Amino acid sequence: MTETRTAIVTGAAQGIGAATAQRLAADGLQVAVLDLDADRAQPVVDAITAAGGTALAVGADVSDPASVDAAVAKVAEELGAPTVVVNNAGIIRDNLLFKMTVEDWDSVMAVHLRGAFNTVKATQKYMTEAKFGRVVNLSSTSAQGNRGQANYSAAKAGLQGYTKTLAIELGKYGVTANAVAPGFIQTDMTAATAERIGVPFDDFIKFSADQIPVARVGQPEDIAHTVSFLVSEGAGFVSGQVIYVAGGPKD
């Protein structure tokens, strides 16, 4: 890396977001650890700074454009112009379609889709001015459909189309946009899925691992390694792609 970049990672207080923030900091980026509550993000910042990195905890509701604009302004002032954005923030409101409420649908769309829209809209000026930018959106293998996740699957599929459009619109400014679509990753979110379907998490992990060619479920660090490459200087010719990180062939 020829200069110090500033990255924003949303939903970074735990799981994939936390692992990604720590990996990017280890790569030499300054990292804004963004979550709904800055206090929740602070332990990740502490871990980064203890390891010799630079990070800032920022509280923001990604579904609220004013909140995102204020957060991005804070990052630009305290860390420098953000030219790397990892849209990881997400929630689940799983249910079968006939039980799913409009509120369940709207809340998932607001965080995943509107959130990713808000963050890139607020940061694109820094990227285009720098003639360098990296956007990574967290999709999912569920984008292909998954029982009980009509809202989540639709949102993750939407992120893939959004990613390809960003790549087309921003490519001439040196900005790349890619999506990472994880399979089963061992996080609090997958633990919540196990609880929803009434299966002990350990059993859920074992069952899932048996279906994966590498014979294990993914860890947040597996996704962080992939994001690390996509935001690197060397990934400037990789854009508009959906990269499945699922431990083996995709059905």
Protein backbone atom coordinates (compact mmCIF):
# COMPACT_ATOMS: atom_id res chain seq x y z
CA MET A 1 0.00 0.00 0.00
CA THR A 2 1.51 3.31 -1.07
CA GLU A 3 -0.33 5.44 1.47
CA THR A 4 -2.40 5.02 4.58
CA ARG A 5 -6.06 4.47 3.72
CA THR A 6 -9.08 4.91 5.93
CA ALA A 7 -11.74 2.22 5.99
CA ILE A 8 -15.26 2.15 7.38
CA VAL A 9 -16.62 -1.23 8.42
CA THR A 10 -20.29 -1.27 9.39
CA GLY A 11 -21.80 -3.69 11.88
CA ALA A 12 -18.28 -4.11 13.22
CA ALA A 13 -18.89 -4.67 16.93
CA GLN A 14 -18.87 -8.45 16.55
CA GLY A 15 -18.67 -11.39 14.18
CA ILE A 16 -17.61 -10.86 10.58
CA GLY A 17 -17.48 -7.08 11.01
CA ALA A 18 -15.15 -7.23 13.99
CA ALA A 19 -12.85 -9.76 12.31
CA THR A 20 -12.77 -7.63 9.16
CA ALA A 21 -11.99 -4.43 11.06
CA GLN A 22 -9.12 -6.15 12.85
CA ARG A 23 -7.75 -7.65 9.65
CA LEU A 24 -7.82 -4.35 7.77
CA ALA A 25 -6.08 -2.64 10.68
CA ALA A 26 -3.41 -5.36 10.60
CA ASP A 27 -3.05 -4.63 6.87
CA GLY A 28 -2.17 -1.03 7.76
CA LEU A 29 -5.48 0.73 7.22
CA GLN A 30 -6.98 3.15 9.72
CA VAL A 31 -10.37 1.70 10.58
CA ALA A 32 -13.64 3.26 11.66
CA VAL A 33 -15.46 0.56 13.62
CA LEU A 34 -19.06 1.53 13.04
CA ASP A 35 -22.02 0.03 14.85
CA LEU A 36 -25.37 1.17 16.16
CA ASP A 37 -23.76 2.00 19.52
CA ALA A 38 -20.17 3.28 19.71
CA ASP A 39 -19.76 1.71 23.16
CA ARG A 40 -20.34 -1.74 21.64
CA ALA A 41 -17.67 -1.04 19.04
CA GLN A 42 -15.08 0.16 21.56
CA PRO A 43 -13.74 -3.31 22.53
CA VAL A 44 -12.87 -3.93 18.87
CA VAL A 45 -11.09 -0.58 18.75
CA ASP A 46 -9.22 -1.46 21.93
CA ALA A 47 -8.08 -4.75 20.41
CA ILE A 48 -6.87 -2.96 17.28
CA THR A 49 -4.96 -0.29 19.17
CA ALA A 50 -3.44 -2.89 21.50
CA ALA A 51 -2.07 -4.61 18.41
CA GLY A 52 -0.54 -1.36 17.18
CA GLY A 53 -3.26 -0.26 14.79
CA THR A 54 -5.37 2.87 14.50
CA ALA A 55 -9.14 2.74 14.94
CA LEU A 56 -12.13 4.81 15.95
CA ALA A 57 -15.46 3.67 17.40
CA VAL A 58 -18.39 5.38 15.70
CA GLY A 59 -22.07 5.02 16.48
CA ALA A 60 -24.55 5.27 13.62
CA ASP A 61 -27.81 3.86 12.35
CA VAL A 62 -26.95 2.87 8.78
CA SER A 63 -30.60 3.00 7.75
CA ASP A 64 -30.72 6.74 8.60
CA PRO A 65 -28.97 8.93 6.00
CA ALA A 66 -28.46 11.81 8.43
CA SER A 67 -26.83 9.48 10.95
CA VAL A 68 -24.55 8.04 8.26
CA ASP A 69 -23.60 11.48 6.95
CA ALA A 70 -22.64 12.58 10.47
CA ALA A 71 -20.64 9.41 11.06
CA VAL A 72 -18.75 9.75 7.77
CA ALA A 73 -17.96 13.40 8.53
CA LYS A 74 -16.58 12.34 11.92
CA VAL A 75 -14.42 9.67 10.32
CA ALA A 76 -13.08 12.08 7.70
CA GLU A 77 -12.21 14.64 10.37
CA GLU A 78 -10.60 12.27 12.87
CA LEU A 79 -9.02 9.59 10.65
CA GLY A 80 -8.95 11.00 7.14
CA ALA A 81 -10.96 10.63 3.96
CA PRO A 82 -12.66 7.20 3.93
CA THR A 83 -11.94 5.46 0.63
CA VAL A 84 -12.70 1.90 1.72
CA VAL A 85 -16.19 0.85 2.78
CA VAL A 86 -17.24 -2.60 3.93
CA ASN A 87 -21.02 -2.83 4.22
CA ASN A 88 -21.43 -5.62 6.74
CA ALA A 89 -24.26 -4.33 8.95
CA GLY A 90 -27.20 -6.68 8.90
CA ILE A 91 -30.08 -8.11 10.89
CA ILE A 92 -32.36 -11.09 10.55
CA ARG A 93 -36.09 -11.24 11.11
CA ASP A 94 -36.64 -14.80 9.93
CA ASN A 95 -40.08 -16.28 9.51
CA LEU A 96 -42.15 -18.18 6.99
CA LEU A 97 -43.83 -15.86 4.53
CA PHE A 98 -47.35 -16.25 5.93
CA LYS A 99 -46.06 -15.24 9.38
CA MET A 100 -43.73 -12.46 8.25
CA THR A 101 -44.89 -8.95 9.05
CA VAL A 102 -44.41 -5.85 6.96
CA GLU A 103 -42.22 -4.55 9.78
CA ASP A 104 -40.02 -7.68 9.54
CA TRP A 105 -39.64 -7.09 5.82
CA ASP A 106 -38.99 -3.35 6.03
CA SER A 107 -36.47 -3.52 8.86
CA VAL A 108 -34.29 -6.05 7.03
CA MET A 109 -34.42 -4.02 3.81
CA ALA A 110 -33.61 -0.83 5.70
CA VAL A 111 -30.43 -2.15 7.28
CA HIS A 112 -29.06 -4.25 4.41
CA LEU A 113 -30.07 -2.30 1.33
CA ARG A 114 -30.74 1.26 2.44
CA GLY A 115 -27.74 1.02 4.78
CA ALA A 116 -25.39 0.05 1.94
CA PHE A 117 -26.86 2.80 -0.22
CA ASN A 118 -26.40 5.43 2.50
CA THR A 119 -22.77 4.58 3.25
CA VAL A 120 -21.59 4.55 -0.35
CA LYS A 121 -23.51 7.69 -1.20
CA ALA A 122 -21.87 9.47 1.74
CA THR A 123 -18.35 8.28 0.92
CA GLN A 124 -18.22 8.26 -2.88
CA LYS A 125 -16.99 11.85 -3.07
CA TYR A 126 -13.89 10.92 -1.08
CA MET A 127 -13.25 7.97 -3.38
CA THR A 128 -13.75 9.81 -6.64
CA GLU A 129 -11.61 12.73 -5.50
CA ALA A 130 -8.82 10.33 -4.52
CA LYS A 131 -9.23 8.34 -7.76
CA PHE A 132 -9.20 5.28 -5.51
CA GLY A 133 -11.99 3.45 -3.75
CA ARG A 134 -13.01 0.03 -2.57
CA VAL A 135 -16.55 -1.05 -1.75
CA VAL A 136 -17.26 -4.53 -0.43
CA ASN A 137 -20.86 -5.50 0.27
CA LEU A 138 -21.65 -8.55 2.38
CA SER A 139 -24.18 -10.70 0.57
CA SER A 140 -24.91 -14.36 1.36
CA THR A 141 -25.51 -17.73 -0.24
CA SER A 142 -29.07 -17.11 0.98
CA ALA A 143 -29.38 -14.68 -1.95
CA GLN A 144 -30.32 -17.78 -3.95
CA GLY A 145 -33.26 -18.42 -1.63
CA ASN A 146 -33.63 -19.95 1.80
CA ARG A 147 -36.68 -21.18 3.68
CA GLY A 148 -37.89 -18.71 6.29
CA GLN A 149 -35.77 -15.87 4.91
CA ALA A 150 -37.80 -14.19 2.18
CA ASN A 151 -36.75 -10.77 3.46
CA TYR A 152 -33.09 -11.64 4.07
CA SER A 153 -32.71 -13.50 0.77
CA ALA A 154 -34.27 -10.64 -1.18
CA ALA A 155 -32.03 -8.11 0.55
CA LYS A 156 -28.86 -10.13 -0.09
CA ALA A 157 -29.82 -10.66 -3.74
CA GLY A 158 -30.47 -6.93 -4.02
CA LEU A 159 -26.99 -6.21 -2.73
CA GLN A 160 -25.54 -8.21 -5.60
CA GLY A 161 -27.33 -6.10 -8.20
CA TYR A 162 -26.39 -2.95 -6.31
CA THR A 163 -22.75 -4.03 -6.29
CA LYS A 164 -22.65 -4.57 -10.04
CA THR A 165 -24.24 -1.18 -10.64
CA LEU A 166 -21.69 0.55 -8.41
CA ALA A 167 -18.91 -1.14 -10.34
CA ILE A 168 -20.31 0.22 -13.60
CA GLU A 169 -20.91 3.76 -12.34
CA LEU A 170 -17.73 4.27 -10.31
CA GLY A 171 -15.16 2.21 -12.15
CA LYS A 172 -13.82 5.09 -14.24
CA TYR A 173 -12.90 6.88 -11.02
CA GLY A 174 -10.66 4.06 -9.80
CA VAL A 175 -13.37 2.66 -7.53
CA THR A 176 -14.08 -1.07 -7.42
CA ALA A 177 -17.18 -2.70 -5.95
CA ASN A 178 -17.51 -6.38 -5.11
CA ALA A 179 -19.78 -8.56 -3.01
CA VAL A 180 -18.75 -11.39 -0.73
CA ALA A 181 -21.39 -14.07 -0.24
CA PRO A 182 -20.60 -16.22 2.80
CA GLY A 183 -22.07 -19.64 3.40
CA PHE A 184 -22.36 -20.93 6.96
CA ILE A 185 -20.24 -18.74 9.24
CA GLN A 186 -20.17 -19.43 12.97
CA THR A 187 -21.53 -16.21 14.45
CA ASP A 188 -24.25 -14.97 16.77
CA MET A 189 -26.49 -14.62 13.71
CA THR A 190 -26.24 -18.30 12.78
CA ALA A 191 -26.75 -19.16 16.44
CA ALA A 192 -30.00 -17.20 16.26
CA THR A 193 -31.01 -19.18 13.19
CA ALA A 194 -30.39 -22.44 15.06
CA GLU A 195 -32.55 -21.20 17.91
CA ARG A 196 -35.31 -20.23 15.50
CA ILE A 197 -35.51 -23.71 14.02
CA GLY A 198 -35.17 -25.35 17.43
CA VAL A 199 -31.80 -27.07 16.92
CA PRO A 200 -28.89 -26.94 19.41
CA PHE A 201 -26.16 -24.79 17.90
CA ASP A 202 -23.51 -27.50 18.18
CA ASP A 203 -25.76 -29.89 16.25
CA PHE A 204 -26.47 -27.19 13.69
CA ILE A 205 -22.74 -26.66 13.20
CA LYS A 206 -22.06 -30.38 12.82
CA PHE A 207 -24.91 -30.87 10.35
CA SER A 208 -23.75 -27.89 8.29
CA ALA A 209 -20.10 -28.98 8.31
CA ASP A 210 -21.14 -32.38 6.95
CA GLN A 211 -22.57 -30.63 3.86
CA ILE A 212 -19.46 -28.52 3.17
CA PRO A 213 -16.62 -29.93 1.02
CA VAL A 214 -13.87 -28.63 3.34
CA ALA A 215 -15.68 -30.38 6.22
CA ARG A 216 -15.97 -27.40 8.52
CA VAL A 217 -18.11 -24.32 8.92
CA GLY A 218 -16.64 -20.91 8.22
CA GLN A 219 -15.22 -18.52 10.76
CA PRO A 220 -15.42 -14.70 10.62
CA GLU A 221 -11.72 -14.62 9.79
CA ASP A 222 -12.38 -16.57 6.58
CA ILE A 223 -14.47 -13.67 5.32
CA ALA A 224 -12.03 -11.07 6.63
CA HIS A 225 -9.21 -12.60 4.56
CA THR A 226 -11.31 -12.32 1.40
CA VAL A 227 -12.25 -8.71 2.12
CA SER A 228 -8.59 -7.94 2.77
CA PHE A 229 -7.72 -8.94 -0.78
CA LEU A 230 -10.63 -7.10 -2.37
CA VAL A 231 -9.73 -3.78 -0.73
CA SER A 232 -6.03 -4.11 -1.49
CA GLU A 233 -4.10 -2.08 -4.05
CA GLY A 234 -3.57 -5.27 -6.04
CA ALA A 235 -7.30 -5.90 -6.56
CA GLY A 236 -7.84 -2.91 -8.81
CA PHE A 237 -8.92 -5.08 -11.76
CA VAL A 238 -11.48 -7.07 -9.76
CA SER A 239 -14.85 -5.34 -9.79
CA GLY A 240 -18.53 -6.14 -10.10
CA GLN A 241 -17.96 -9.67 -8.82
CA VAL A 242 -19.88 -11.81 -6.35
CA ILE A 243 -17.42 -14.06 -4.55
CA TYR A 244 -18.93 -17.03 -2.75
CA VAL A 245 -16.97 -18.00 0.36
CA ALA A 246 -18.73 -21.19 1.32
CA GLY A 247 -16.11 -23.88 1.68
CA GLY A 248 -16.78 -25.59 -1.61
CA PRO A 249 -18.91 -25.79 -4.76
CA LYS A 250 -22.06 -23.72 -4.93
CA ASP A 251 -25.23 -25.62 -5.77
